[in-house]
Amino acid sequence: MPPELEVVDRLLADRRFFEPFRCWFDPGWGRPSIPIETYLRLMFLKYRYRLGYETLCAEVTDSVSWPTP
């Protein structure tokens, strides 16, 4: 993993970071969702690499082609 992503991964591993978002990702309410930790990591990658949603999904599905800075 690139050093930049390692730093972000450490920051996102802090449980306190997710608490403000947890109420919006209740597993018993609405459609089934992904864990908030996964969602925020995906949104960081989407923003960092300026990807559209479909491209993001394709890139994380095929991690061999994942771009590096």
C-alpha atoms as a PDB file:
ATOM      1  CA  MET A   1       0.000   0.000   0.000  1.00  0.00           C
ATOM      2  CA  PRO A   2       1.367   3.486  -0.798  1.00  0.00           C
ATOM      3  CA  PRO A   3       2.531   5.437   2.290  1.00  0.00           C
ATOM      4  CA  GLU A   4      -0.208   8.038   1.805  1.00  0.00           C
ATOM      5  CA  LEU A   5      -2.889   5.348   2.004  1.00  0.00           C
ATOM      6  CA  GLU A   6      -1.229   3.779   5.056  1.00  0.00           C
ATOM      7  CA  VAL A   7      -1.568   7.110   6.905  1.00  0.00           C
ATOM      8  CA  VAL A   8      -5.230   7.409   5.937  1.00  0.00           C
ATOM      9  CA  ASP A   9      -5.838   3.791   6.934  1.00  0.00           C
ATOM     10  CA  ARG A  10      -4.399   4.471  10.409  1.00  0.00           C
ATOM     11  CA  LEU A  11      -6.583   7.556  10.794  1.00  0.00           C
ATOM     12  CA  LEU A  12      -9.677   5.669   9.687  1.00  0.00           C
ATOM     13  CA  ALA A  13      -8.914   2.856  12.131  1.00  0.00           C
ATOM     14  CA  ASP A  14      -9.742   5.223  15.032  1.00  0.00           C
ATOM     15  CA  ARG A  15     -13.217   4.267  16.292  1.00  0.00           C
ATOM     16  CA  ARG A  16     -13.911   7.850  17.417  1.00  0.00           C
ATOM     17  CA  PHE A  17     -13.817   8.969  13.798  1.00  0.00           C
ATOM     18  CA  PHE A  18     -16.818   6.827  12.882  1.00  0.00           C
ATOM     19  CA  GLU A  19     -19.126   7.613  15.779  1.00  0.00           C
ATOM     20  CA  PRO A  20     -20.753  10.713  14.176  1.00  0.00           C
ATOM     21  CA  PHE A  21     -21.643   8.605  11.114  1.00  0.00           C
ATOM     22  CA  ARG A  22     -22.902   5.445  12.834  1.00  0.00           C
ATOM     23  CA  CYS A  23     -26.477   6.669  13.265  1.00  0.00           C
ATOM     24  CA  TRP A  24     -26.786   6.983   9.472  1.00  0.00           C
ATOM     25  CA  PHE A  25     -25.653   3.395   8.891  1.00  0.00           C
ATOM     26  CA  ASP A  26     -27.943   1.394  11.137  1.00  0.00           C
ATOM     27  CA  PRO A  27     -27.909  -2.238   9.921  1.00  0.00           C
ATOM     28  CA  GLY A  28     -31.528  -2.758  11.036  1.00  0.00           C
ATOM     29  CA  TRP A  29     -32.960   0.285   9.241  1.00  0.00           C
ATOM     30  CA  GLY A  30     -33.670   0.497   5.525  1.00  0.00           C
ATOM     31  CA  ARG A  31     -31.739  -1.373   2.870  1.00  0.00           C
ATOM     32  CA  PRO A  32     -28.785  -3.520   3.913  1.00  0.00           C
ATOM     33  CA  SER A  33     -25.651  -1.412   3.938  1.00  0.00           C
ATOM     34  CA  ILE A  34     -21.919  -1.862   4.036  1.00  0.00           C
ATOM     35  CA  PRO A  35     -19.960  -1.103   7.224  1.00  0.00           C
ATOM     36  CA  ILE A  36     -19.319   2.628   7.697  1.00  0.00           C
ATOM     37  CA  GLU A  37     -15.583   1.918   7.853  1.00  0.00           C
ATOM     38  CA  THR A  38     -15.685   0.448   4.353  1.00  0.00           C
ATOM     39  CA  TYR A  39     -17.883   3.225   2.999  1.00  0.00           C
ATOM     40  CA  LEU A  40     -15.618   6.021   4.245  1.00  0.00           C
ATOM     41  CA  ARG A  41     -12.520   4.317   2.879  1.00  0.00           C
ATOM     42  CA  LEU A  42     -14.205   3.994  -0.506  1.00  0.00           C
ATOM     43  CA  MET A  43     -15.255   7.648  -0.458  1.00  0.00           C
ATOM     44  CA  PHE A  44     -11.687   8.688   0.358  1.00  0.00           C
ATOM     45  CA  LEU A  45     -10.382   6.712  -2.618  1.00  0.00           C
ATOM     46  CA  LYS A  46     -13.106   8.173  -4.837  1.00  0.00           C
ATOM     47  CA  TYR A  47     -12.129  11.702  -3.815  1.00  0.00           C
ATOM     48  CA  ARG A  48      -8.353  11.146  -3.817  1.00  0.00           C
ATOM     49  CA  TYR A  49      -8.221   9.615  -7.288  1.00  0.00           C
ATOM     50  CA  ARG A  50     -11.120  11.700  -8.689  1.00  0.00           C
ATOM     51  CA  LEU A  51     -13.077   8.643  -9.707  1.00  0.00           C
ATOM     52  CA  GLY A  52     -16.686   8.314 -10.656  1.00  0.00           C
ATOM     53  CA  TYR A  53     -18.767   5.799  -8.735  1.00  0.00           C
ATOM     54  CA  GLU A  54     -18.723   3.152 -11.486  1.00  0.00           C
ATOM     55  CA  THR A  55     -14.972   3.510 -11.963  1.00  0.00           C
ATOM     56  CA  LEU A  56     -14.405   3.261  -8.214  1.00  0.00           C
ATOM     57  CA  CYS A  57     -16.410   0.013  -8.076  1.00  0.00           C
ATOM     58  CA  ALA A  58     -14.490  -1.423 -11.022  1.00  0.00           C
ATOM     59  CA  GLU A  59     -11.124  -0.448  -9.515  1.00  0.00           C
ATOM     60  CA  VAL A  60     -11.739  -1.911  -6.073  1.00  0.00           C
ATOM     61  CA  THR A  61     -13.221  -5.067  -7.600  1.00  0.00           C
ATOM     62  CA  ASP A  62     -10.098  -5.527  -9.710  1.00  0.00           C
ATOM     63  CA  SER A  63      -7.433  -4.420  -7.242  1.00  0.00           C
ATOM     64  CA  VAL A  64      -4.655  -5.526  -9.630  1.00  0.00           C
ATOM     65  CA  SER A  65      -5.394  -2.458 -11.751  1.00  0.00           C
ATOM     66  CA  TRP A  66      -5.620  -0.043  -8.797  1.00  0.00           C
ATOM     67  CA  PRO A  67      -3.723   3.203  -9.605  1.00  0.00           C
ATOM     68  CA  THR A  68      -0.802   4.303  -7.436  1.00  0.00           C
ATOM     69  CA  PRO A  69       0.269   7.920  -6.976  1.00  0.00           C
END
